[in-house]
Amino acid sequence: MTASPGSGLPGPYGSGGGGANLADILERVLDKGIVIAGDIKINLLDIELLTIKLRLIVASIDKAKEMGIDWWEDDPALSTGARRAELSRENAELRQRLAELEERKALEPAQKETRERRKR
């Protein structure tokens, strides 16, 4: 739909003089950040059955870090560095458990021999 001059109808998207296009709006939102918050409560006869708290933050990574938000850096599902750290930690724990099991296994014959000596 196109508008003829003076008709009062809007022209095609982005054709207005000085109007912001989608890229400009997105750039502004990511640069400044936007927070959307809301609560949903379901009550039945003044008894609260369900409460849902919604918080949505839309911002660039730089802006989020500036605000102190960086939870994705520690989430193994989202960060390869966090995934490597978790795998390293698990690997160290497994190596320690394996060493303990091997140590127990090595002590078993000596303990068995001690028990047999006591029986005699």
Protein backbone atom coordinates (compact mmCIF):
# COMPACT_ATOMS: atom_id res chain seq x y z
CA MET A 1 0.00 0.00 0.00
CA THR A 2 1.46 3.33 -0.98
CA ALA A 3 0.26 6.70 0.09
CA SER A 4 -0.31 9.63 -2.08
CA PRO A 5 0.80 13.01 -0.76
CA GLY A 6 -1.88 14.61 1.39
CA SER A 7 -4.02 11.46 1.67
CA GLY A 8 -3.15 10.94 5.37
CA LEU A 9 -2.38 7.25 4.83
CA PRO A 10 0.96 5.81 5.87
CA GLY A 11 3.52 5.03 3.22
CA PRO A 12 5.55 1.85 2.88
CA TYR A 13 7.68 0.87 5.89
CA GLY A 14 10.80 2.97 6.22
CA SER A 15 9.78 5.49 3.61
CA GLY A 16 8.72 8.16 6.09
CA GLY A 17 11.05 11.12 6.46
CA GLY A 18 13.20 10.72 9.57
CA GLY A 19 11.42 7.54 10.69
CA ALA A 20 13.51 4.92 12.47
CA ASN A 21 13.94 1.61 10.74
CA LEU A 22 14.12 -1.74 12.50
CA ALA A 23 17.94 -1.82 12.55
CA ASP A 24 18.07 1.59 14.29
CA ILE A 25 15.52 0.50 16.88
CA LEU A 26 17.36 -2.76 17.54
CA GLU A 27 20.66 -0.91 17.86
CA ARG A 28 19.16 1.48 20.41
CA VAL A 29 17.58 -1.33 22.44
CA LEU A 30 20.79 -3.36 22.52
CA ASP A 31 22.87 -0.29 23.36
CA LYS A 32 20.66 0.92 26.20
CA GLY A 33 19.00 -2.34 27.23
CA ILE A 34 15.36 -2.90 28.06
CA VAL A 35 13.76 -4.70 31.00
CA ILE A 36 10.31 -6.24 30.88
CA ALA A 37 8.95 -7.53 34.18
CA GLY A 38 5.64 -9.02 35.10
CA ASP A 39 3.95 -11.28 37.63
CA ILE A 40 1.09 -13.66 37.02
CA LYS A 41 -0.90 -14.81 40.04
CA ILE A 42 -3.74 -17.29 39.98
CA ASN A 43 -6.01 -17.20 43.02
CA LEU A 44 -9.09 -19.22 43.85
CA LEU A 45 -11.21 -17.92 46.73
CA ASP A 46 -8.31 -15.85 48.09
CA ILE A 47 -6.01 -18.90 48.00
CA GLU A 48 -2.93 -18.39 45.89
CA LEU A 49 -2.57 -21.39 43.62
CA LEU A 50 0.20 -20.28 41.30
CA THR A 51 2.63 -17.41 40.99
CA ILE A 52 4.83 -16.92 37.95
CA LYS A 53 7.41 -14.16 37.95
CA LEU A 54 8.71 -13.18 34.53
CA ARG A 55 11.80 -11.05 33.98
CA LEU A 56 13.15 -10.37 30.52
CA ILE A 57 16.25 -8.34 29.79
CA VAL A 58 17.17 -7.50 26.22
CA ALA A 59 20.62 -5.98 25.87
CA SER A 60 23.90 -6.46 24.09
CA ILE A 61 26.51 -8.67 25.75
CA ASP A 62 28.66 -5.64 26.50
CA LYS A 63 25.75 -3.81 28.14
CA ALA A 64 24.76 -6.91 30.14
CA LYS A 65 28.32 -7.32 31.42
CA GLU A 66 28.37 -3.62 32.30
CA MET A 67 25.22 -4.25 34.40
CA GLY A 68 26.94 -7.21 36.10
CA ILE A 69 25.02 -9.91 34.26
CA ASP A 70 27.22 -12.71 32.94
CA TRP A 71 25.54 -15.97 33.98
CA TRP A 72 25.98 -17.48 30.51
CA GLU A 73 29.76 -17.55 30.99
CA ASP A 74 29.40 -20.17 33.74
CA ASP A 75 26.67 -22.24 32.06
CA PRO A 76 28.18 -25.35 30.41
CA ALA A 77 25.29 -25.50 27.95
CA LEU A 78 26.12 -22.02 26.64
CA SER A 79 29.88 -21.60 27.12
CA THR A 80 32.66 -23.82 25.83
CA GLY A 81 34.98 -22.46 28.53
CA ALA A 82 32.51 -23.44 31.25
CA ARG A 83 32.03 -26.82 29.59
CA ARG A 84 35.80 -27.41 29.60
CA ALA A 85 36.05 -26.36 33.24
CA GLU A 86 33.23 -28.71 34.23
CA LEU A 87 34.80 -31.59 32.29
CA SER A 88 38.17 -30.91 33.93
CA ARG A 89 36.56 -30.90 37.38
CA GLU A 90 34.70 -34.15 36.66
CA ASN A 91 37.88 -35.69 35.28
CA ALA A 92 39.83 -34.76 38.44
CA GLU A 93 37.07 -36.20 40.66
CA LEU A 94 37.00 -39.45 38.67
CA ARG A 95 40.79 -39.77 38.81
CA GLN A 96 40.69 -39.29 42.58
CA ARG A 97 37.95 -41.92 42.98
CA LEU A 98 39.87 -44.32 40.76
CA ALA A 99 43.05 -43.81 42.81
CA GLU A 100 41.10 -44.50 46.02
CA LEU A 101 39.60 -47.69 44.55
CA GLU A 102 42.99 -48.88 43.35
CA GLU A 103 44.45 -48.17 46.80
CA ARG A 104 41.66 -50.19 48.46
CA LYS A 105 42.18 -53.02 46.00
CA ALA A 106 45.93 -53.06 46.76
CA LEU A 107 45.24 -53.19 50.52
CA GLU A 108 42.76 -56.09 50.30
CA PRO A 109 45.37 -58.90 50.00
CA ALA A 110 47.33 -57.52 52.96
CA GLN A 111 44.16 -57.25 55.06
CA LYS A 112 43.15 -60.78 54.06
CA GLU A 113 46.56 -62.12 55.10
CA THR A 114 46.34 -60.32 58.44
CA ARG A 115 42.89 -61.84 59.11
CA GLU A 116 44.16 -65.34 58.29
CA ARG A 117 47.12 -64.91 60.64
CA ARG A 118 44.79 -63.88 63.46
CA LYS A 119 42.65 -66.96 62.91
CA ARG A 120 45.70 -69.27 63.37
